[in-house]
Amino acid sequence: MSYHTVIVVGRLGRDPEMRYTASGEAVTSFSLATDRQYTDSSGQRVKETMWFRVSVWGKQAETCNAYLKKGKMALVEGRLQCDPKTGSPRIYDRQDGTKGTSFEISANTVRFLSSKGEGEGEPSDFSASISNEDDNIPF
């Protein structure tokens, strides 16, 4: 048996979008940006942003849709989803003609990390598990 999990902390790039599957199960999707800052070999400060597309299922999907908003901090724990055809992250064409990559996570746990003062009274550290498996946002 093999297993993998990924934990990502970042800010939502836009408000979540919720829909229901044909069987009536809620699924919420949102984009999450993570930043990495470092100094390169020439002494220049570099900031890298990586985007993740997150899918949350069931009751937790409804909660995320109700409380998460663009700009809020969240911790997501789940598994990476790959393109079933290639086994790699999804590759797409940007509007400027360059290639981009989408890293997708199927969430098991989402924690809301923004303080109450940053929003409209949402919990500052909500966690729930599910049993089933105008920035340049690439999706």
N, C-alpha and C. Protein backbone atom coordinates (compact mmCIF):
# COMPACT_ATOMS: atom_id res chain seq x y z
N MET A 1 0.85 -1.18 0.00
CA MET A 1 0.00 0.00 0.00
C MET A 1 0.89 1.24 0.00
N SER A 2 0.50 2.23 -0.77
CA SER A 2 1.24 3.49 -0.77
C SER A 2 0.28 4.63 -0.45
N TYR A 3 0.84 5.74 -0.03
CA TYR A 3 0.03 6.85 0.45
C TYR A 3 0.81 8.13 0.27
N HIS A 4 0.14 9.22 -0.05
CA HIS A 4 0.79 10.53 -0.05
C HIS A 4 -0.19 11.57 0.46
N THR A 5 0.37 12.61 1.03
CA THR A 5 -0.42 13.75 1.48
C THR A 5 0.40 15.01 1.29
N VAL A 6 -0.28 16.11 1.06
CA VAL A 6 0.38 17.39 0.89
C VAL A 6 -0.33 18.40 1.79
N ILE A 7 0.45 19.30 2.39
CA ILE A 7 -0.09 20.37 3.22
C ILE A 7 0.36 21.69 2.62
N VAL A 8 -0.60 22.57 2.38
CA VAL A 8 -0.33 23.86 1.75
C VAL A 8 -1.00 24.95 2.57
N VAL A 9 -0.29 26.04 2.82
CA VAL A 9 -0.85 27.21 3.50
C VAL A 9 -0.74 28.39 2.55
N GLY A 10 -1.84 29.08 2.34
CA GLY A 10 -1.82 30.23 1.44
C GLY A 10 -3.09 31.04 1.54
N ARG A 11 -3.25 31.96 0.58
CA ARG A 11 -4.41 32.85 0.53
C ARG A 11 -5.27 32.50 -0.67
N LEU A 12 -6.59 32.61 -0.49
CA LEU A 12 -7.51 32.36 -1.58
C LEU A 12 -7.37 33.45 -2.64
N GLY A 13 -7.34 33.03 -3.90
CA GLY A 13 -7.21 33.97 -5.01
C GLY A 13 -8.53 34.57 -5.44
N ARG A 14 -9.62 33.91 -5.11
CA ARG A 14 -10.96 34.43 -5.38
C ARG A 14 -11.94 33.67 -4.50
N ASP A 15 -13.18 34.13 -4.46
CA ASP A 15 -14.18 33.47 -3.64
C ASP A 15 -14.40 32.03 -4.12
N PRO A 16 -14.71 31.12 -3.20
CA PRO A 16 -14.97 29.73 -3.58
C PRO A 16 -16.21 29.61 -4.46
N GLU A 17 -16.26 28.53 -5.22
CA GLU A 17 -17.43 28.23 -6.06
C GLU A 17 -17.94 26.85 -5.66
N MET A 18 -19.23 26.76 -5.33
CA MET A 18 -19.81 25.48 -4.94
C MET A 18 -20.80 25.01 -5.98
N ARG A 19 -20.84 23.70 -6.17
CA ARG A 19 -21.83 23.08 -7.05
C ARG A 19 -22.20 21.74 -6.43
N TYR A 20 -23.17 21.08 -7.02
CA TYR A 20 -23.58 19.76 -6.56
C TYR A 20 -23.40 18.75 -7.69
N THR A 21 -22.93 17.56 -7.35
CA THR A 21 -22.79 16.50 -8.33
C THR A 21 -24.18 15.97 -8.69
N ALA A 22 -24.24 15.14 -9.71
CA ALA A 22 -25.52 14.55 -10.12
C ALA A 22 -26.16 13.76 -8.98
N SER A 23 -25.34 13.20 -8.10
CA SER A 23 -25.86 12.42 -6.96
C SER A 23 -26.21 13.30 -5.76
N GLY A 24 -26.02 14.63 -5.89
CA GLY A 24 -26.41 15.56 -4.83
C GLY A 24 -25.32 15.90 -3.83
N GLU A 25 -24.09 15.45 -4.07
CA GLU A 25 -22.99 15.76 -3.15
C GLU A 25 -22.41 17.14 -3.46
N ALA A 26 -22.19 17.93 -2.40
CA ALA A 26 -21.61 19.27 -2.57
C ALA A 26 -20.12 19.16 -2.86
N VAL A 27 -19.64 20.01 -3.77
CA VAL A 27 -18.21 20.14 -4.03
C VAL A 27 -17.91 21.63 -4.19
N THR A 28 -16.91 22.10 -3.45
CA THR A 28 -16.49 23.50 -3.52
C THR A 28 -15.07 23.54 -4.04
N SER A 29 -14.82 24.47 -4.96
CA SER A 29 -13.49 24.65 -5.53
C SER A 29 -13.01 26.07 -5.25
N PHE A 30 -11.71 26.19 -5.00
CA PHE A 30 -11.11 27.51 -4.84
C PHE A 30 -9.63 27.42 -5.19
N SER A 31 -9.05 28.58 -5.49
CA SER A 31 -7.62 28.65 -5.79
C SER A 31 -6.90 29.18 -4.57
N LEU A 32 -5.71 28.64 -4.32
CA LEU A 32 -4.91 29.01 -3.17
C LEU A 32 -3.51 29.35 -3.64
N ALA A 33 -3.01 30.53 -3.26
CA ALA A 33 -1.68 30.98 -3.67
C ALA A 33 -0.72 30.84 -2.50
N THR A 34 0.45 30.26 -2.76
CA THR A 34 1.52 30.20 -1.77
C THR A 34 2.68 31.03 -2.27
N ASP A 35 3.38 31.69 -1.36
CA ASP A 35 4.52 32.53 -1.73
C ASP A 35 5.79 31.99 -1.13
N ARG A 36 6.85 32.12 -1.88
CA ARG A 36 8.19 31.78 -1.40
C ARG A 36 9.10 32.96 -1.74
N GLN A 37 9.82 33.46 -0.75
CA GLN A 37 10.74 34.57 -0.99
C GLN A 37 12.15 34.13 -0.62
N TYR A 38 13.09 34.51 -1.44
CA TYR A 38 14.49 34.18 -1.18
C TYR A 38 15.38 35.17 -1.92
N THR A 39 16.66 35.14 -1.59
CA THR A 39 17.66 35.97 -2.26
C THR A 39 18.45 35.07 -3.20
N ASP A 40 18.51 35.44 -4.48
CA ASP A 40 19.24 34.61 -5.44
C ASP A 40 20.74 34.85 -5.35
N SER A 41 21.51 34.17 -6.18
CA SER A 41 22.97 34.23 -6.12
C SER A 41 23.53 35.61 -6.43
N SER A 42 22.76 36.46 -7.13
CA SER A 42 23.22 37.82 -7.43
C SER A 42 22.78 38.83 -6.36
N GLY A 43 22.12 38.34 -5.30
CA GLY A 43 21.70 39.24 -4.22
C GLY A 43 20.33 39.85 -4.42
N GLN A 44 19.64 39.48 -5.49
CA GLN A 44 18.31 40.02 -5.76
C GLN A 44 17.26 39.26 -4.98
N ARG A 45 16.30 39.99 -4.44
CA ARG A 45 15.19 39.39 -3.73
C ARG A 45 14.21 38.83 -4.75
N VAL A 46 13.84 37.55 -4.62
CA VAL A 46 12.94 36.88 -5.56
C VAL A 46 11.69 36.43 -4.82
N LYS A 47 10.53 36.67 -5.42
CA LYS A 47 9.27 36.20 -4.86
C LYS A 47 8.61 35.27 -5.88
N GLU A 48 8.36 34.03 -5.47
CA GLU A 48 7.69 33.06 -6.32
C GLU A 48 6.31 32.78 -5.76
N THR A 49 5.33 32.76 -6.63
CA THR A 49 3.97 32.41 -6.23
C THR A 49 3.58 31.14 -6.96
N MET A 50 3.08 30.16 -6.22
CA MET A 50 2.59 28.93 -6.80
C MET A 50 1.11 28.83 -6.48
N TRP A 51 0.31 28.48 -7.51
CA TRP A 51 -1.13 28.36 -7.36
C TRP A 51 -1.55 26.91 -7.28
N PHE A 52 -2.52 26.65 -6.42
CA PHE A 52 -3.11 25.32 -6.29
C PHE A 52 -4.62 25.45 -6.48
N ARG A 53 -5.20 24.48 -7.16
CA ARG A 53 -6.65 24.40 -7.31
C ARG A 53 -7.12 23.35 -6.31
N VAL A 54 -8.02 23.73 -5.39
CA VAL A 54 -8.46 22.87 -4.31
C VAL A 54 -9.92 22.48 -4.51
N SER A 55 -10.22 21.19 -4.32
CA SER A 55 -11.60 20.70 -4.33
C SER A 55 -11.90 20.11 -2.96
N VAL A 56 -13.03 20.50 -2.41
CA VAL A 56 -13.48 20.05 -1.08
C VAL A 56 -14.87 19.44 -1.26
N TRP A 57 -15.13 18.33 -0.58
CA TRP A 57 -16.36 17.57 -0.79
C TRP A 57 -17.23 17.52 0.46
N GLY A 58 -18.53 17.28 0.26
CA GLY A 58 -19.47 17.01 1.33
C GLY A 58 -19.78 18.22 2.20
N LYS A 59 -20.02 17.95 3.49
CA LYS A 59 -20.38 19.00 4.45
C LYS A 59 -19.30 20.06 4.54
N GLN A 60 -18.03 19.62 4.47
CA GLN A 60 -16.93 20.58 4.54
C GLN A 60 -16.96 21.53 3.34
N ALA A 61 -17.43 21.06 2.18
CA ALA A 61 -17.56 21.92 1.00
C ALA A 61 -18.54 23.06 1.29
N GLU A 62 -19.65 22.74 1.93
CA GLU A 62 -20.65 23.75 2.26
C GLU A 62 -20.09 24.76 3.26
N THR A 63 -19.33 24.28 4.25
CA THR A 63 -18.74 25.17 5.24
C THR A 63 -17.70 26.08 4.61
N CYS A 64 -16.85 25.53 3.76
CA CYS A 64 -15.84 26.35 3.07
C CYS A 64 -16.49 27.41 2.21
N ASN A 65 -17.54 27.04 1.51
CA ASN A 65 -18.24 28.00 0.66
C ASN A 65 -18.84 29.13 1.49
N ALA A 66 -19.32 28.81 2.68
CA ALA A 66 -19.97 29.81 3.54
C ALA A 66 -18.97 30.77 4.19
N TYR A 67 -17.78 30.29 4.56
CA TYR A 67 -16.87 31.10 5.37
C TYR A 67 -15.61 31.59 4.67
N LEU A 68 -15.12 30.89 3.67
CA LEU A 68 -13.90 31.35 2.99
C LEU A 68 -14.23 32.41 1.96
N LYS A 69 -13.35 33.38 1.84
CA LYS A 69 -13.50 34.47 0.87
C LYS A 69 -12.13 34.79 0.28
N LYS A 70 -12.14 35.50 -0.84
CA LYS A 70 -10.90 35.92 -1.48
C LYS A 70 -10.00 36.63 -0.47
N GLY A 71 -8.71 36.28 -0.45
CA GLY A 71 -7.73 36.92 0.42
C GLY A 71 -7.56 36.25 1.77
N LYS A 72 -8.47 35.36 2.17
CA LYS A 72 -8.38 34.68 3.46
C LYS A 72 -7.28 33.62 3.44
N MET A 73 -6.65 33.45 4.59
CA MET A 73 -5.61 32.42 4.76
C MET A 73 -6.28 31.10 5.09
N ALA A 74 -5.74 30.02 4.50
CA ALA A 74 -6.24 28.68 4.81
C ALA A 74 -5.11 27.68 4.73
N LEU A 75 -5.23 26.63 5.53
CA LEU A 75 -4.34 25.47 5.45
C LEU A 75 -5.16 24.35 4.83
N VAL A 76 -4.59 23.72 3.81
CA VAL A 76 -5.27 22.62 3.13
C VAL A 76 -4.38 21.39 3.23
N GLU A 77 -4.99 20.29 3.66
CA GLU A 77 -4.29 19.00 3.67
C GLU A 77 -5.08 18.06 2.77
N GLY A 78 -4.38 17.38 1.88
CA GLY A 78 -5.07 16.46 0.98
C GLY A 78 -4.09 15.72 0.10
N ARG A 79 -4.59 15.28 -1.04
CA ARG A 79 -3.73 14.54 -1.96
C ARG A 79 -3.69 15.26 -3.31
N LEU A 80 -2.53 15.20 -3.93
CA LEU A 80 -2.38 15.80 -5.26
C LEU A 80 -3.13 14.97 -6.28
N GLN A 81 -3.79 15.66 -7.19
CA GLN A 81 -4.47 15.02 -8.31
C GLN A 81 -3.63 15.26 -9.56
N CYS A 82 -3.41 14.26 -10.34
CA CYS A 82 -2.65 14.45 -11.57
C CYS A 82 -3.58 14.30 -12.77
N ASP A 83 -3.09 14.75 -13.91
CA ASP A 83 -3.81 14.59 -15.17
C ASP A 83 -3.84 13.09 -15.46
N PRO A 84 -5.02 12.49 -15.58
CA PRO A 84 -5.08 11.04 -15.77
C PRO A 84 -4.42 10.56 -17.06
N LYS A 85 -4.29 11.44 -18.05
CA LYS A 85 -3.68 11.05 -19.32
C LYS A 85 -2.16 11.03 -19.25
N THR A 86 -1.58 11.97 -18.47
CA THR A 86 -0.12 12.10 -18.47
C THR A 86 0.53 11.74 -17.15
N GLY A 87 -0.25 11.74 -16.06
CA GLY A 87 0.33 11.50 -14.74
C GLY A 87 1.06 12.71 -14.19
N SER A 88 0.95 13.84 -14.84
CA SER A 88 1.62 15.09 -14.46
C SER A 88 0.58 16.13 -14.06
N PRO A 89 1.03 17.27 -13.53
CA PRO A 89 0.08 18.37 -13.32
C PRO A 89 -0.56 18.76 -14.65
N ARG A 90 -1.76 19.34 -14.57
CA ARG A 90 -2.45 19.76 -15.79
C ARG A 90 -1.70 20.93 -16.42
N ILE A 91 -1.47 20.86 -17.71
CA ILE A 91 -0.79 21.93 -18.46
C ILE A 91 -1.83 22.63 -19.33
N TYR A 92 -1.79 23.95 -19.34
CA TYR A 92 -2.76 24.74 -20.09
C TYR A 92 -2.06 25.90 -20.77
N ASP A 93 -2.77 26.55 -21.71
CA ASP A 93 -2.26 27.72 -22.41
C ASP A 93 -2.81 28.98 -21.76
N ARG A 94 -1.92 29.89 -21.37
CA ARG A 94 -2.33 31.18 -20.81
C ARG A 94 -2.82 32.10 -21.92
N GLN A 95 -3.45 33.19 -21.52
CA GLN A 95 -3.95 34.16 -22.50
C GLN A 95 -2.82 34.78 -23.32
N ASP A 96 -1.61 34.88 -22.72
CA ASP A 96 -0.49 35.47 -23.45
C ASP A 96 0.24 34.46 -24.34
N GLY A 97 -0.28 33.22 -24.40
CA GLY A 97 0.31 32.21 -25.27
C GLY A 97 1.35 31.31 -24.60
N THR A 98 1.77 31.65 -23.39
CA THR A 98 2.74 30.81 -22.69
C THR A 98 2.03 29.64 -22.01
N LYS A 99 2.80 28.64 -21.64
CA LYS A 99 2.25 27.47 -20.97
C LYS A 99 2.21 27.70 -19.46
N GLY A 100 1.22 27.13 -18.82
CA GLY A 100 1.11 27.18 -17.37
C GLY A 100 0.81 25.79 -16.84
N THR A 101 0.97 25.61 -15.54
CA THR A 101 0.74 24.33 -14.90
C THR A 101 -0.23 24.51 -13.75
N SER A 102 -1.17 23.60 -13.61
CA SER A 102 -2.13 23.64 -12.53
C SER A 102 -1.88 22.46 -11.60
N PHE A 103 -1.63 22.77 -10.33
CA PHE A 103 -1.47 21.75 -9.30
C PHE A 103 -2.81 21.63 -8.59
N GLU A 104 -3.38 20.45 -8.56
CA GLU A 104 -4.72 20.27 -8.02
C GLU A 104 -4.68 19.38 -6.78
N ILE A 105 -5.44 19.79 -5.75
CA ILE A 105 -5.49 19.07 -4.48
C ILE A 105 -6.93 18.68 -4.18
N SER A 106 -7.14 17.42 -3.85
CA SER A 106 -8.41 16.97 -3.31
C SER A 106 -8.26 17.01 -1.79
N ALA A 107 -8.97 17.93 -1.14
CA ALA A 107 -8.76 18.22 0.28
C ALA A 107 -9.42 17.19 1.18
N ASN A 108 -8.71 16.81 2.23
CA ASN A 108 -9.26 16.03 3.33
C ASN A 108 -9.61 16.94 4.50
N THR A 109 -8.77 17.97 4.72
CA THR A 109 -8.95 18.90 5.83
C THR A 109 -8.67 20.31 5.35
N VAL A 110 -9.50 21.25 5.79
CA VAL A 110 -9.27 22.67 5.54
C VAL A 110 -9.37 23.38 6.87
N ARG A 111 -8.35 24.18 7.20
CA ARG A 111 -8.37 25.00 8.42
C ARG A 111 -8.41 26.45 8.00
N PHE A 112 -9.30 27.21 8.61
CA PHE A 112 -9.40 28.64 8.33
C PHE A 112 -8.40 29.34 9.24
N LEU A 113 -7.46 30.09 8.68
CA LEU A 113 -6.38 30.68 9.46
C LEU A 113 -6.52 32.19 9.65
N SER A 114 -7.38 32.85 8.91
CA SER A 114 -7.55 34.30 9.06
C SER A 114 -8.23 34.59 10.38
N SER A 115 -7.82 35.68 11.02
CA SER A 115 -8.44 36.05 12.30
C SER A 115 -9.83 36.60 12.07
N LYS A 116 -10.62 36.62 13.12
CA LYS A 116 -11.98 37.14 13.02
C LYS A 116 -11.99 38.58 12.55
N GLY A 117 -10.97 39.35 12.91
CA GLY A 117 -10.89 40.74 12.50
C GLY A 117 -10.70 40.92 11.00
N GLU A 118 -10.24 39.87 10.32
CA GLU A 118 -10.00 39.96 8.88
C GLU A 118 -11.24 39.67 8.06
N GLY A 119 -12.33 39.25 8.69
CA GLY A 119 -13.49 38.87 7.90
C GLY A 119 -14.79 39.22 8.58
N GLU A 120 -15.80 38.47 8.25
CA GLU A 120 -17.13 38.76 8.75
C GLU A 120 -17.51 37.76 9.83
N GLY A 121 -16.65 37.56 10.82
CA GLY A 121 -16.99 36.72 11.96
C GLY A 121 -16.82 35.23 11.74
N GLU A 122 -16.04 34.83 10.75
CA GLU A 122 -15.85 33.40 10.53
C GLU A 122 -14.97 32.81 11.63
N PRO A 123 -15.04 31.51 11.85
CA PRO A 123 -14.17 30.90 12.85
C PRO A 123 -12.71 31.13 12.49
N SER A 124 -11.87 31.34 13.49
CA SER A 124 -10.47 31.62 13.20
C SER A 124 -9.65 30.35 13.00
N ASP A 125 -10.15 29.19 13.46
CA ASP A 125 -9.42 27.94 13.28
C ASP A 125 -10.40 26.78 13.19
N PHE A 126 -11.14 26.71 12.10
CA PHE A 126 -12.11 25.66 11.90
C PHE A 126 -11.43 24.49 11.22
N SER A 127 -11.74 23.29 11.63
CA SER A 127 -11.20 22.11 10.97
C SER A 127 -12.28 21.05 10.91
N ALA A 128 -12.43 20.45 9.76
CA ALA A 128 -13.36 19.33 9.61
C ALA A 128 -12.77 18.38 8.60
N SER A 129 -13.01 17.13 8.77
CA SER A 129 -12.51 16.13 7.83
C SER A 129 -13.66 15.59 7.01
N ILE A 130 -13.33 15.17 5.80
CA ILE A 130 -14.32 14.53 4.97
C ILE A 130 -13.91 13.08 4.80
N SER A 131 -14.88 12.25 4.61
CA SER A 131 -14.56 10.83 4.56
C SER A 131 -14.21 10.36 3.15
N ASN A 132 -14.75 11.02 2.14
CA ASN A 132 -14.41 10.64 0.77
C ASN A 132 -13.24 11.45 0.27
N GLU A 133 -12.88 10.50 -0.55
CA GLU A 133 -11.67 11.06 -1.12
C GLU A 133 -12.03 12.33 -2.09
N ASP A 134 -8.14 40.47 -9.02
CA ASP A 134 -7.86 40.23 -10.33
C ASP A 134 -6.36 40.07 -10.60
N ASP A 135 -5.90 38.78 -9.80
CA ASP A 135 -4.54 38.30 -9.89
C ASP A 135 -4.47 37.41 -11.12
N ASN A 136 -3.28 36.98 -11.47
CA ASN A 136 -3.13 36.07 -12.60
C ASN A 136 -3.40 34.65 -12.14
N ILE A 137 -4.64 34.38 -11.80
CA ILE A 137 -5.02 33.05 -11.36
C ILE A 137 -5.15 32.19 -12.62
N PRO A 138 -4.46 31.06 -12.68
CA PRO A 138 -4.43 30.29 -13.90
C PRO A 138 -5.68 29.46 -14.15
N PHE A 139 -6.67 29.52 -13.30
CA PHE A 139 -7.87 28.72 -13.52
C PHE A 139 -9.06 29.37 -12.89
